[in-house]
Amino acid sequence: MASIKEIVKNNYDDIVKGTMWVVIYKKDINWYCRSFCYYGGDYENGFIFQADDIARMKEISKTDHKAIVVNGSYMGYGRDLTYKELKNKIIQAYISRWHQLSGYFIDCCVKE
């Protein structure tokens, strides 16, 4: 359990460099984060993840249907963002339901 500020601080490099897909979600009033390594791919052909990571993503999406997934390389969260700017973008994405894990990302973009 962490605040959104702590999640951004602890995962800043993974998010902005795009080295991982970072899932951010809530349980009750607490924020959580889980990073997933991908093994290639793209939006057109799907991103390749290990089967247990796909299962975990699906579990998270059932826990929080508003969970988001972020990756700076694909979503424009560049290295020039401050921690505060990135935090605000993540909160905006969560509230506006942009970059949702459930639906499009899991159904269309994830491959084993």
PDB file of N, CA and C in Angstrom:
ATOM      1  N   MET A   1       0.849  -1.169   0.000  1.00  0.00           N
ATOM      2  CA  MET A   1       0.000   0.000   0.000  1.00  0.00           C
ATOM      3  C   MET A   1       0.896   1.234   0.000  1.00  0.00           C
ATOM      4  N   ALA A   2       0.542   2.198  -0.824  1.00  0.00           N
ATOM      5  CA  ALA A   2       1.339   3.410  -0.914  1.00  0.00           C
ATOM      6  C   ALA A   2       0.455   4.550  -1.413  1.00  0.00           C
ATOM      7  N   SER A   3       0.967   5.741  -1.266  1.00  0.00           N
ATOM      8  CA  SER A   3       0.267   6.883  -1.849  1.00  0.00           C
ATOM      9  C   SER A   3       0.634   6.953  -3.328  1.00  0.00           C
ATOM     10  N   ILE A   4      -0.158   7.660  -4.093  1.00  0.00           N
ATOM     11  CA  ILE A   4       0.150   7.809  -5.515  1.00  0.00           C
ATOM     12  C   ILE A   4       1.482   8.533  -5.696  1.00  0.00           C
ATOM     13  N   LYS A   5       1.801   9.428  -4.786  1.00  0.00           N
ATOM     14  CA  LYS A   5       3.076  10.143  -4.837  1.00  0.00           C
ATOM     15  C   LYS A   5       4.250   9.161  -4.679  1.00  0.00           C
ATOM     16  N   GLU A   6       4.125   8.222  -3.743  1.00  0.00           N
ATOM     17  CA  GLU A   6       5.178   7.221  -3.537  1.00  0.00           C
ATOM     18  C   GLU A   6       5.298   6.286  -4.738  1.00  0.00           C
ATOM     19  N   ILE A   7       4.162   5.917  -5.307  1.00  0.00           N
ATOM     20  CA  ILE A   7       4.184   5.040  -6.478  1.00  0.00           C
ATOM     21  C   ILE A   7       4.914   5.706  -7.631  1.00  0.00           C
ATOM     22  N   VAL A   8       4.631   6.975  -7.866  1.00  0.00           N
ATOM     23  CA  VAL A   8       5.313   7.703  -8.943  1.00  0.00           C
ATOM     24  C   VAL A   8       6.810   7.796  -8.648  1.00  0.00           C
ATOM     25  N   LYS A   9       7.170   8.146  -7.439  1.00  0.00           N
ATOM     26  CA  LYS A   9       8.581   8.275  -7.082  1.00  0.00           C
ATOM     27  C   LYS A   9       9.326   6.950  -7.254  1.00  0.00           C
ATOM     28  N   ASN A  10       8.719   5.850  -6.797  1.00  0.00           N
ATOM     29  CA  ASN A  10       9.387   4.552  -6.833  1.00  0.00           C
ATOM     30  C   ASN A  10       9.396   3.898  -8.211  1.00  0.00           C
ATOM     31  N   ASN A  11       8.525   4.341  -9.105  1.00  0.00           N
ATOM     32  CA  ASN A  11       8.411   3.712 -10.423  1.00  0.00           C
ATOM     33  C   ASN A  11       8.645   4.679 -11.569  1.00  0.00           C
ATOM     34  N   TYR A  12       9.157   5.855 -11.258  1.00  0.00           N
ATOM     35  CA  TYR A  12       9.324   6.912 -12.252  1.00  0.00           C
ATOM     36  C   TYR A  12      10.105   6.430 -13.479  1.00  0.00           C
ATOM     37  N   ASP A  13      11.269   5.828 -13.258  1.00  0.00           N
ATOM     38  CA  ASP A  13      12.106   5.407 -14.385  1.00  0.00           C
ATOM     39  C   ASP A  13      11.418   4.357 -15.248  1.00  0.00           C
ATOM     40  N   ASP A  14      10.799   3.359 -14.613  1.00  0.00           N
ATOM     41  CA  ASP A  14      10.099   2.332 -15.387  1.00  0.00           C
ATOM     42  C   ASP A  14       8.982   2.931 -16.225  1.00  0.00           C
ATOM     43  N   ILE A  15       8.286   3.905 -15.674  1.00  0.00           N
ATOM     44  CA  ILE A  15       7.164   4.512 -16.403  1.00  0.00           C
ATOM     45  C   ILE A  15       7.664   5.375 -17.548  1.00  0.00           C
ATOM     46  N   VAL A  16       8.545   6.310 -17.282  1.00  0.00           N
ATOM     47  CA  VAL A  16       8.917   7.267 -18.333  1.00  0.00           C
ATOM     48  C   VAL A  16       9.847   6.659 -19.381  1.00  0.00           C
ATOM     49  N   LYS A  17      10.695   5.725 -19.002  1.00  0.00           N
ATOM     50  CA  LYS A  17      11.588   5.084 -19.975  1.00  0.00           C
ATOM     51  C   LYS A  17      10.879   4.004 -20.774  1.00  0.00           C
ATOM     52  N   GLY A  18       9.756   3.544 -20.265  1.00  0.00           N
ATOM     53  CA  GLY A  18       9.006   2.524 -20.979  1.00  0.00           C
ATOM     54  C   GLY A  18       9.615   1.135 -20.888  1.00  0.00           C
ATOM     55  N   THR A  19      10.426   0.904 -19.870  1.00  0.00           N
ATOM     56  CA  THR A  19      11.072  -0.402 -19.730  1.00  0.00           C
ATOM     57  C   THR A  19      10.112  -1.470 -19.224  1.00  0.00           C
ATOM     58  N   MET A  20       9.019  -1.064 -18.607  1.00  0.00           N
ATOM     59  CA  MET A  20       8.014  -1.978 -18.068  1.00  0.00           C
ATOM     60  C   MET A  20       6.636  -1.395 -18.357  1.00  0.00           C
ATOM     61  N   TRP A  21       5.634  -2.260 -18.339  1.00  0.00           N
ATOM     62  CA  TRP A  21       4.253  -1.798 -18.309  1.00  0.00           C
ATOM     63  C   TRP A  21       3.881  -1.749 -16.842  1.00  0.00           C
ATOM     64  N   VAL A  22       3.448  -0.615 -16.352  1.00  0.00           N
ATOM     65  CA  VAL A  22       3.170  -0.419 -14.936  1.00  0.00           C
ATOM     66  C   VAL A  22       1.656  -0.292 -14.750  1.00  0.00           C
ATOM     67  N   VAL A  23       1.110  -1.189 -13.943  1.00  0.00           N
ATOM     68  CA  VAL A  23      -0.318  -1.178 -13.649  1.00  0.00           C
ATOM     69  C   VAL A  23      -0.522  -0.478 -12.309  1.00  0.00           C
ATOM     70  N   ILE A  24      -1.408   0.495 -12.295  1.00  0.00           N
ATOM     71  CA  ILE A  24      -1.704   1.263 -11.086  1.00  0.00           C
ATOM     72  C   ILE A  24      -3.191   1.074 -10.786  1.00  0.00           C
ATOM     73  N   TYR A  25      -3.471   0.700  -9.547  1.00  0.00           N
ATOM     74  CA  TYR A  25      -4.851   0.397  -9.179  1.00  0.00           C
ATOM     75  C   TYR A  25      -5.101   0.704  -7.709  1.00  0.00           C
ATOM     76  N   LYS A  26      -6.377   0.675  -7.349  1.00  0.00           N
ATOM     77  CA  LYS A  26      -6.775   0.969  -5.971  1.00  0.00           C
ATOM     78  C   LYS A  26      -7.541  -0.206  -5.380  1.00  0.00           C
ATOM     79  N   LYS A  27      -7.383  -0.368  -4.082  1.00  0.00           N
ATOM     80  CA  LYS A  27      -8.227  -1.244  -3.275  1.00  0.00           C
ATOM     81  C   LYS A  27      -8.703  -0.360  -2.142  1.00  0.00           C
ATOM     82  N   ASP A  28      -9.996  -0.182  -2.051  1.00  0.00           N
ATOM     83  CA  ASP A  28     -10.571   0.744  -1.086  1.00  0.00           C
ATOM     84  C   ASP A  28      -9.996   2.131  -1.342  1.00  0.00           C
ATOM     85  N   ILE A  29      -9.271   2.704  -0.377  1.00  0.00           N
ATOM     86  CA  ILE A  29      -8.701   4.043  -0.574  1.00  0.00           C
ATOM     87  C   ILE A  29      -7.198   3.993  -0.824  1.00  0.00           C
ATOM     88  N   ASN A  30      -6.625   2.793  -0.894  1.00  0.00           N
ATOM     89  CA  ASN A  30      -5.175   2.637  -1.030  1.00  0.00           C
ATOM     90  C   ASN A  30      -4.763   2.378  -2.473  1.00  0.00           C
ATOM     91  N   TRP A  31      -3.646   2.976  -2.850  1.00  0.00           N
ATOM     92  CA  TRP A  31      -3.087   2.812  -4.190  1.00  0.00           C
ATOM     93  C   TRP A  31      -2.074   1.672  -4.173  1.00  0.00           C
ATOM     94  N   TYR A  32      -2.016   0.937  -5.295  1.00  0.00           N
ATOM     95  CA  TYR A  32      -1.061  -0.147  -5.467  1.00  0.00           C
ATOM     96  C   TYR A  32      -0.477  -0.073  -6.871  1.00  0.00           C
ATOM     97  N   CYS A  33       0.631  -0.760  -7.042  1.00  0.00           N
ATOM     98  CA  CYS A  33       1.321  -0.719  -8.314  1.00  0.00           C
ATOM     99  C   CYS A  33       1.962  -2.079  -8.571  1.00  0.00           C
ATOM    100  N   ARG A  34       1.966  -2.487  -9.820  1.00  0.00           N
ATOM    101  CA  ARG A  34       2.637  -3.728 -10.195  1.00  0.00           C
ATOM    102  C   ARG A  34       3.256  -3.505 -11.561  1.00  0.00           C
ATOM    103  N   SER A  35       4.535  -3.839 -11.689  1.00  0.00           N
ATOM    104  CA  SER A  35       5.228  -3.688 -12.967  1.00  0.00           C
ATOM    105  C   SER A  35       5.314  -5.029 -13.676  1.00  0.00           C
ATOM    106  N   PHE A  36       5.155  -4.983 -14.990  1.00  0.00           N
ATOM    107  CA  PHE A  36       5.197  -6.194 -15.797  1.00  0.00           C
ATOM    108  C   PHE A  36       6.205  -6.032 -16.929  1.00  0.00           C
ATOM    109  N   CYS A  37       7.064  -7.018 -17.060  1.00  0.00           N
ATOM    110  CA  CYS A  37       8.046  -7.038 -18.142  1.00  0.00           C
ATOM    111  C   CYS A  37       7.367  -7.578 -19.398  1.00  0.00           C
ATOM    112  N   TYR A  38       7.624  -6.951 -20.512  1.00  0.00           N
ATOM    113  CA  TYR A  38       7.075  -7.472 -21.760  1.00  0.00           C
ATOM    114  C   TYR A  38       8.224  -7.885 -22.662  1.00  0.00           C
ATOM    115  N   TYR A  39       7.935  -8.804 -23.545  1.00  0.00           N
ATOM    116  CA  TYR A  39       8.973  -9.450 -24.348  1.00  0.00           C
ATOM    117  C   TYR A  39       8.818  -9.140 -25.825  1.00  0.00           C
ATOM    118  N   GLY A  40       8.477  -7.898 -26.094  1.00  0.00           N
ATOM    119  CA  GLY A  40       8.349  -7.456 -27.469  1.00  0.00           C
ATOM    120  C   GLY A  40       6.898  -7.245 -27.850  1.00  0.00           C
ATOM    121  N   GLY A  41       6.732  -6.879 -29.100  1.00  0.00           N
ATOM    122  CA  GLY A  41       5.395  -6.658 -29.625  1.00  0.00           C
ATOM    123  C   GLY A  41       5.070  -5.188 -29.777  1.00  0.00           C
ATOM    124  N   ASP A  42       3.841  -4.945 -30.213  1.00  0.00           N
ATOM    125  CA  ASP A  42       3.362  -3.588 -30.416  1.00  0.00           C
ATOM    126  C   ASP A  42       1.834  -3.597 -30.367  1.00  0.00           C
ATOM    127  N   TYR A  43       1.228  -2.430 -30.494  1.00  0.00           N
ATOM    128  CA  TYR A  43      -0.233  -2.342 -30.434  1.00  0.00           C
ATOM    129  C   TYR A  43      -0.896  -3.157 -31.548  1.00  0.00           C
ATOM    130  N   GLU A  44      -0.302  -3.144 -32.715  1.00  0.00           N
ATOM    131  CA  GLU A  44      -0.922  -3.822 -33.859  1.00  0.00           C
ATOM    132  C   GLU A  44      -0.942  -5.346 -33.691  1.00  0.00           C
ATOM    133  N   ASN A  45       0.172  -5.902 -33.237  1.00  0.00           N
ATOM    134  CA  ASN A  45       0.296  -7.357 -33.142  1.00  0.00           C
ATOM    135  C   ASN A  45       0.152  -7.895 -31.727  1.00  0.00           C
ATOM    136  N   GLY A  46       0.064  -7.009 -30.765  1.00  0.00           N
ATOM    137  CA  GLY A  46      -0.046  -7.408 -29.367  1.00  0.00           C
ATOM    138  C   GLY A  46       1.302  -7.404 -28.671  1.00  0.00           C
ATOM    139  N   PHE A  47       1.288  -7.149 -27.380  1.00  0.00           N
ATOM    140  CA  PHE A  47       2.493  -7.179 -26.557  1.00  0.00           C
ATOM    141  C   PHE A  47       2.604  -8.555 -25.917  1.00  0.00           C
ATOM    142  N   ILE A  48       3.807  -9.063 -25.840  1.00  0.00           N
ATOM    143  CA  ILE A  48       4.026 -10.412 -25.347  1.00  0.00           C
ATOM    144  C   ILE A  48       4.400 -10.378 -23.867  1.00  0.00           C
ATOM    145  N   PHE A  49       3.602 -11.098 -23.070  1.00  0.00           N
ATOM    146  CA  PHE A  49       3.826 -11.223 -21.628  1.00  0.00           C
ATOM    147  C   PHE A  49       3.818 -12.701 -21.264  1.00  0.00           C
ATOM    148  N   GLN A  50       4.406 -13.027 -20.141  1.00  0.00           N
ATOM    149  CA  GLN A  50       4.341 -14.398 -19.638  1.00  0.00           C
ATOM    150  C   GLN A  50       2.914 -14.684 -19.183  1.00  0.00           C
ATOM    151  N   ALA A  51       2.531 -15.969 -19.246  1.00  0.00           N
ATOM    152  CA  ALA A  51       1.168 -16.375 -18.902  1.00  0.00           C
ATOM    153  C   ALA A  51       0.787 -15.987 -17.477  1.00  0.00           C
ATOM    154  N   ASP A  52       1.698 -16.149 -16.520  1.00  0.00           N
ATOM    155  CA  ASP A  52       1.360 -15.796 -15.133  1.00  0.00           C
ATOM    156  C   ASP A  52       1.182 -14.296 -14.963  1.00  0.00           C
ATOM    157  N   ASP A  53       1.876 -13.486 -15.759  1.00  0.00           N
ATOM    158  CA  ASP A  53       1.678 -12.036 -15.709  1.00  0.00           C
ATOM    159  C   ASP A  53       0.320 -11.650 -16.286  1.00  0.00           C
ATOM    160  N   ILE A  54      -0.092 -12.329 -17.342  1.00  0.00           N
ATOM    161  CA  ILE A  54      -1.410 -12.063 -17.922  1.00  0.00           C
ATOM    162  C   ILE A  54      -2.497 -12.410 -16.902  1.00  0.00           C
ATOM    163  N   ALA A  55      -2.325 -13.537 -16.220  1.00  0.00           N
ATOM    164  CA  ALA A  55      -3.294 -13.932 -15.194  1.00  0.00           C
ATOM    165  C   ALA A  55      -3.358 -12.902 -14.078  1.00  0.00           C
ATOM    166  N   ARG A  56      -2.203 -12.365 -13.680  1.00  0.00           N
ATOM    167  CA  ARG A  56      -2.166 -11.348 -12.626  1.00  0.00           C
ATOM    168  C   ARG A  56      -2.853 -10.065 -13.086  1.00  0.00           C
ATOM    169  N   MET A  57      -2.633  -9.661 -14.343  1.00  0.00           N
ATOM    170  CA  MET A  57      -3.306  -8.479 -14.884  1.00  0.00           C
ATOM    171  C   MET A  57      -4.817  -8.654 -14.837  1.00  0.00           C
ATOM    172  N   LYS A  58      -5.287  -9.836 -15.223  1.00  0.00           N
ATOM    173  CA  LYS A  58      -6.731 -10.096 -15.199  1.00  0.00           C
ATOM    174  C   LYS A  58      -7.269 -10.056 -13.778  1.00  0.00           C
ATOM    175  N   GLU A  59      -6.493 -10.574 -12.827  1.00  0.00           N
ATOM    176  CA  GLU A  59      -6.894 -10.531 -11.420  1.00  0.00           C
ATOM    177  C   GLU A  59      -6.998  -9.092 -10.923  1.00  0.00           C
ATOM    178  N   ILE A  60      -6.011  -8.275 -11.281  1.00  0.00           N
ATOM    179  CA  ILE A  60      -6.028  -6.863 -10.891  1.00  0.00           C
ATOM    180  C   ILE A  60      -7.243  -6.159 -11.497  1.00  0.00           C
ATOM    181  N   SER A  61      -7.541  -6.445 -12.763  1.00  0.00           N
ATOM    182  CA  SER A  61      -8.672  -5.770 -13.415  1.00  0.00           C
ATOM    183  C   SER A  61     -10.002  -6.146 -12.768  1.00  0.00           C
ATOM    184  N   LYS A  62     -10.076  -7.327 -12.159  1.00  0.00           N
ATOM    185  CA  LYS A  62     -11.287  -7.699 -11.418  1.00  0.00           C
ATOM    186  C   LYS A  62     -11.346  -6.989 -10.069  1.00  0.00           C
ATOM    187  N   THR A  63     -10.178  -6.747  -9.474  1.00  0.00           N
ATOM    188  CA  THR A  63     -10.101  -6.039  -8.203  1.00  0.00           C
ATOM    189  C   THR A  63     -10.488  -4.578  -8.373  1.00  0.00           C
ATOM    190  N   ASP A  64     -10.004  -3.967  -9.461  1.00  0.00           N
ATOM    191  CA  ASP A  64     -10.295  -2.554  -9.735  1.00  0.00           C
ATOM    192  C   ASP A  64     -10.536  -2.394 -11.226  1.00  0.00           C
ATOM    193  N   HIS A  65     -11.787  -2.281 -11.620  1.00  0.00           N
ATOM    194  CA  HIS A  65     -12.120  -2.157 -13.041  1.00  0.00           C
ATOM    195  C   HIS A  65     -11.626  -0.846 -13.656  1.00  0.00           C
ATOM    196  N   LYS A  66     -11.186   0.084 -12.821  1.00  0.00           N
ATOM    197  CA  LYS A  66     -10.631   1.345 -13.321  1.00  0.00           C
ATOM    198  C   LYS A  66      -9.103   1.345 -13.348  1.00  0.00           C
ATOM    199  N   ALA A  67      -8.475   0.198 -13.039  1.00  0.00           N
ATOM    200  CA  ALA A  67      -7.011   0.119 -13.050  1.00  0.00           C
ATOM    201  C   ALA A  67      -6.469   0.594 -14.397  1.00  0.00           C
ATOM    202  N   ILE A  68      -5.329   1.273 -14.355  1.00  0.00           N
ATOM    203  CA  ILE A  68      -4.717   1.767 -15.593  1.00  0.00           C
ATOM    204  C   ILE A  68      -3.367   1.109 -15.790  1.00  0.00           C
ATOM    205  N   VAL A  69      -2.915   1.127 -17.020  1.00  0.00           N
ATOM    206  CA  VAL A  69      -1.604   0.599 -17.365  1.00  0.00           C
ATOM    207  C   VAL A  69      -0.860   1.706 -18.094  1.00  0.00           C
ATOM    208  N   VAL A  70       0.374   1.962 -17.674  1.00  0.00           N
ATOM    209  CA  VAL A  70       1.139   3.061 -18.277  1.00  0.00           C
ATOM    210  C   VAL A  70       2.512   2.586 -18.714  1.00  0.00           C
ATOM    211  N   ASN A  71       2.982   3.171 -19.799  1.00  0.00           N
ATOM    212  CA  ASN A  71       4.306   2.914 -20.354  1.00  0.00           C
ATOM    213  C   ASN A  71       4.683   4.161 -21.134  1.00  0.00           C
ATOM    214  N   GLY A  72       5.721   4.843 -20.682  1.00  0.00           N
ATOM    215  CA  GLY A  72       6.100   6.121 -21.274  1.00  0.00           C
ATOM    216  C   GLY A  72       6.413   6.074 -22.746  1.00  0.00           C
ATOM    217  N   SER A  73       6.974   4.964 -23.231  1.00  0.00           N
ATOM    218  CA  SER A  73       7.327   4.857 -24.643  1.00  0.00           C
ATOM    219  C   SER A  73       6.104   4.886 -25.543  1.00  0.00           C
ATOM    220  N   TYR A  74       5.000   4.367 -25.073  1.00  0.00           N
ATOM    221  CA  TYR A  74       3.806   4.262 -25.892  1.00  0.00           C
ATOM    222  C   TYR A  74       2.757   5.305 -25.576  1.00  0.00           C
ATOM    223  N   MET A  75       2.897   5.996 -24.447  1.00  0.00           N
ATOM    224  CA  MET A  75       1.831   6.891 -24.015  1.00  0.00           C
ATOM    225  C   MET A  75       2.265   8.333 -23.835  1.00  0.00           C
ATOM    226  N   GLY A  76       3.465   8.662 -24.241  1.00  0.00           N
ATOM    227  CA  GLY A  76       3.906  10.036 -24.199  1.00  0.00           C
ATOM    228  C   GLY A  76       4.217  10.591 -22.816  1.00  0.00           C
ATOM    229  N   TYR A  77       4.506   9.713 -21.875  1.00  0.00           N
ATOM    230  CA  TYR A  77       4.910  10.174 -20.538  1.00  0.00           C
ATOM    231  C   TYR A  77       6.434  10.290 -20.555  1.00  0.00           C
ATOM    232  N   GLY A  78       6.928  11.334 -21.180  1.00  0.00           N
ATOM    233  CA  GLY A  78       8.345  11.488 -21.437  1.00  0.00           C
ATOM    234  C   GLY A  78       9.197  11.824 -20.232  1.00  0.00           C
ATOM    235  N   ARG A  79      10.485  11.753 -20.448  1.00  0.00           N
ATOM    236  CA  ARG A  79      11.478  11.959 -19.391  1.00  0.00           C
ATOM    237  C   ARG A  79      11.538  13.390 -18.889  1.00  0.00           C
ATOM    238  N   ASP A  80      10.923  14.291 -19.604  1.00  0.00           N
ATOM    239  CA  ASP A  80      10.967  15.690 -19.179  1.00  0.00           C
ATOM    240  C   ASP A  80       9.889  16.022 -18.158  1.00  0.00           C
ATOM    241  N   LEU A  81       9.052  15.047 -17.802  1.00  0.00           N
ATOM    242  CA  LEU A  81       8.013  15.291 -16.800  1.00  0.00           C
ATOM    243  C   LEU A  81       8.606  15.289 -15.392  1.00  0.00           C
ATOM    244  N   THR A  82       8.154  16.199 -14.580  1.00  0.00           N
ATOM    245  CA  THR A  82       8.536  16.169 -13.171  1.00  0.00           C
ATOM    246  C   THR A  82       7.698  15.085 -12.486  1.00  0.00           C
ATOM    247  N   TYR A  83       8.071  14.742 -11.256  1.00  0.00           N
ATOM    248  CA  TYR A  83       7.288  13.774 -10.488  1.00  0.00           C
ATOM    249  C   TYR A  83       5.844  14.254 -10.342  1.00  0.00           C
ATOM    250  N   LYS A  84       5.685  15.525 -10.047  1.00  0.00           N
ATOM    251  CA  LYS A  84       4.351  16.085  -9.847  1.00  0.00           C
ATOM    252  C   LYS A  84       3.527  16.018 -11.130  1.00  0.00           C
ATOM    253  N   GLU A  85       4.134  16.355 -12.264  1.00  0.00           N
ATOM    254  CA  GLU A  85       3.420  16.292 -13.541  1.00  0.00           C
ATOM    255  C   GLU A  85       2.999  14.860 -13.869  1.00  0.00           C
ATOM    256  N   LEU A  86       3.904  13.907 -13.624  1.00  0.00           N
ATOM    257  CA  LEU A  86       3.575  12.508 -13.885  1.00  0.00           C
ATOM    258  C   LEU A  86       2.460  12.036 -12.959  1.00  0.00           C
ATOM    259  N   LYS A  87       2.552  12.403 -11.692  1.00  0.00           N
ATOM    260  CA  LYS A  87       1.489  12.050 -10.732  1.00  0.00           C
ATOM    261  C   LYS A  87       0.143  12.581 -11.208  1.00  0.00           C
ATOM    262  N   ASN A  88       0.110  13.838 -11.654  1.00  0.00           N
ATOM    263  CA  ASN A  88      -1.134  14.444 -12.121  1.00  0.00           C
ATOM    264  C   ASN A  88      -1.667  13.748 -13.378  1.00  0.00           C
ATOM    265  N   LYS A  89      -0.774  13.355 -14.293  1.00  0.00           N
ATOM    266  CA  LYS A  89      -1.196  12.644 -15.499  1.00  0.00           C
ATOM    267  C   LYS A  89      -1.798  11.286 -15.140  1.00  0.00           C
ATOM    268  N   ILE A  90      -1.189  10.607 -14.181  1.00  0.00           N
ATOM    269  CA  ILE A  90      -1.696   9.303 -13.765  1.00  0.00           C
ATOM    270  C   ILE A  90      -3.055   9.444 -13.092  1.00  0.00           C
ATOM    271  N   ILE A  91      -3.198  10.414 -12.218  1.00  0.00           N
ATOM    272  CA  ILE A  91      -4.492  10.643 -11.571  1.00  0.00           C
ATOM    273  C   ILE A  91      -5.546  10.992 -12.617  1.00  0.00           C
ATOM    274  N   GLN A  92      -5.204  11.854 -13.563  1.00  0.00           N
ATOM    275  CA  GLN A  92      -6.141  12.232 -14.630  1.00  0.00           C
ATOM    276  C   GLN A  92      -6.535  11.003 -15.455  1.00  0.00           C
ATOM    277  N   ALA A  93      -5.565  10.157 -15.788  1.00  0.00           N
ATOM    278  CA  ALA A  93      -5.859   8.943 -16.556  1.00  0.00           C
ATOM    279  C   ALA A  93      -6.793   8.024 -15.780  1.00  0.00           C
ATOM    280  N   TYR A  94      -6.556   7.897 -14.490  1.00  0.00           N
ATOM    281  CA  TYR A  94      -7.395   7.032 -13.649  1.00  0.00           C
ATOM    282  C   TYR A  94      -8.822   7.570 -13.564  1.00  0.00           C
ATOM    283  N   ILE A  95      -8.945   8.843 -13.281  1.00  0.00           N
ATOM    284  CA  ILE A  95     -10.270   9.455 -13.151  1.00  0.00           C
ATOM    285  C   ILE A  95     -11.026   9.418 -14.486  1.00  0.00           C
ATOM    286  N   SER A  96     -10.323   9.695 -15.569  1.00  0.00           N
ATOM    287  CA  SER A  96     -10.948   9.765 -16.897  1.00  0.00           C
ATOM    288  C   SER A  96     -11.066   8.404 -17.573  1.00  0.00           C
ATOM    289  N   ARG A  97     -10.507   7.391 -16.930  1.00  0.00           N
ATOM    290  CA  ARG A  97     -10.518   6.016 -17.453  1.00  0.00           C
ATOM    291  C   ARG A  97      -9.764   5.887 -18.764  1.00  0.00           C
ATOM    292  N   TRP A  98      -8.660   6.624 -18.877  1.00  0.00           N
ATOM    293  CA  TRP A  98      -7.757   6.472 -20.022  1.00  0.00           C
ATOM    294  C   TRP A  98      -6.773   5.359 -19.675  1.00  0.00           C
ATOM    295  N   HIS A  99      -6.296   4.675 -20.651  1.00  0.00           N
ATOM    296  CA  HIS A  99      -5.276   3.624 -20.488  1.00  0.00           C
ATOM    297  C   HIS A  99      -5.755   2.512 -19.556  1.00  0.00           C
ATOM    298  N   GLN A 100      -7.020   2.177 -19.616  1.00  0.00           N
ATOM    299  CA  GLN A 100      -7.548   1.165 -18.709  1.00  0.00           C
ATOM    300  C   GLN A 100      -6.966  -0.207 -19.006  1.00  0.00           C
ATOM    301  N   LEU A 101      -6.679  -0.926 -17.935  1.00  0.00           N
ATOM    302  CA  LEU A 101      -6.154  -2.281 -18.050  1.00  0.00           C
ATOM    303  C   LEU A 101      -7.230  -3.215 -18.599  1.00  0.00           C
ATOM    304  N   SER A 102      -8.417  -3.150 -18.027  1.00  0.00           N
ATOM    305  CA  SER A 102      -9.490  -4.038 -18.483  1.00  0.00           C
ATOM    306  C   SER A 102      -9.989  -3.576 -19.844  1.00  0.00           C
ATOM    307  N   GLY A 103     -10.612  -4.472 -20.524  1.00  0.00           N
ATOM    308  CA  GLY A 103     -11.122  -4.118 -21.842  1.00  0.00           C
ATOM    309  C   GLY A 103     -10.026  -4.096 -22.871  1.00  0.00           C
ATOM    310  N   TYR A 104      -9.769  -2.966 -23.434  1.00  0.00           N
ATOM    311  CA  TYR A 104      -8.871  -2.865 -24.585  1.00  0.00           C
ATOM    312  C   TYR A 104      -7.493  -3.471 -24.361  1.00  0.00           C
ATOM    313  N   PHE A 105      -6.801  -3.077 -23.308  1.00  0.00           N
ATOM    314  CA  PHE A 105      -5.419  -3.533 -23.160  1.00  0.00           C
ATOM    315  C   PHE A 105      -5.333  -5.043 -23.006  1.00  0.00           C
ATOM    316  N   ILE A 106      -6.080  -5.603 -22.083  1.00  0.00           N
ATOM    317  CA  ILE A 106      -6.025  -7.054 -21.874  1.00  0.00           C
ATOM    318  C   ILE A 106      -6.601  -7.801 -23.079  1.00  0.00           C
ATOM    319  N   ASP A 107      -7.726  -7.342 -23.600  1.00  0.00           N
ATOM    320  CA  ASP A 107      -8.408  -8.066 -24.661  1.00  0.00           C
ATOM    321  C   ASP A 107      -7.720  -7.954 -26.015  1.00  0.00           C
ATOM    322  N   CYS A 108      -7.127  -6.831 -26.302  1.00  0.00           N
ATOM    323  CA  CYS A 108      -6.594  -6.600 -27.655  1.00  0.00           C
ATOM    324  C   CYS A 108      -5.075  -6.526 -27.740  1.00  0.00           C
ATOM    325  N   CYS A 109      -4.419  -6.158 -26.679  1.00  0.00           N
ATOM    326  CA  CYS A 109      -2.995  -5.849 -26.777  1.00  0.00           C
ATOM    327  C   CYS A 109      -2.081  -6.870 -26.107  1.00  0.00           C
ATOM    328  N   VAL A 110      -2.636  -7.804 -25.353  1.00  0.00           N
ATOM    329  CA  VAL A 110      -1.803  -8.734 -24.600  1.00  0.00           C
ATOM    330  C   VAL A 110      -1.811 -10.095 -25.270  1.00  0.00           C
ATOM    331  N   LYS A 111      -0.613 -10.637 -25.490  1.00  0.00           N
ATOM    332  CA  LYS A 111      -0.446 -11.973 -26.073  1.00  0.00           C
ATOM    333  C   LYS A 111       0.512 -12.768 -25.219  1.00  0.00           C
ATOM    334  N   GLU A 112       0.314 -14.100 -25.245  1.00  0.00           N
ATOM    335  CA  GLU A 112       1.237 -14.998 -24.524  1.00  0.00           C
ATOM    336  C   GLU A 112       2.411 -15.322 -25.387  1.00  0.00           C
TER     337      GLU A 112
END
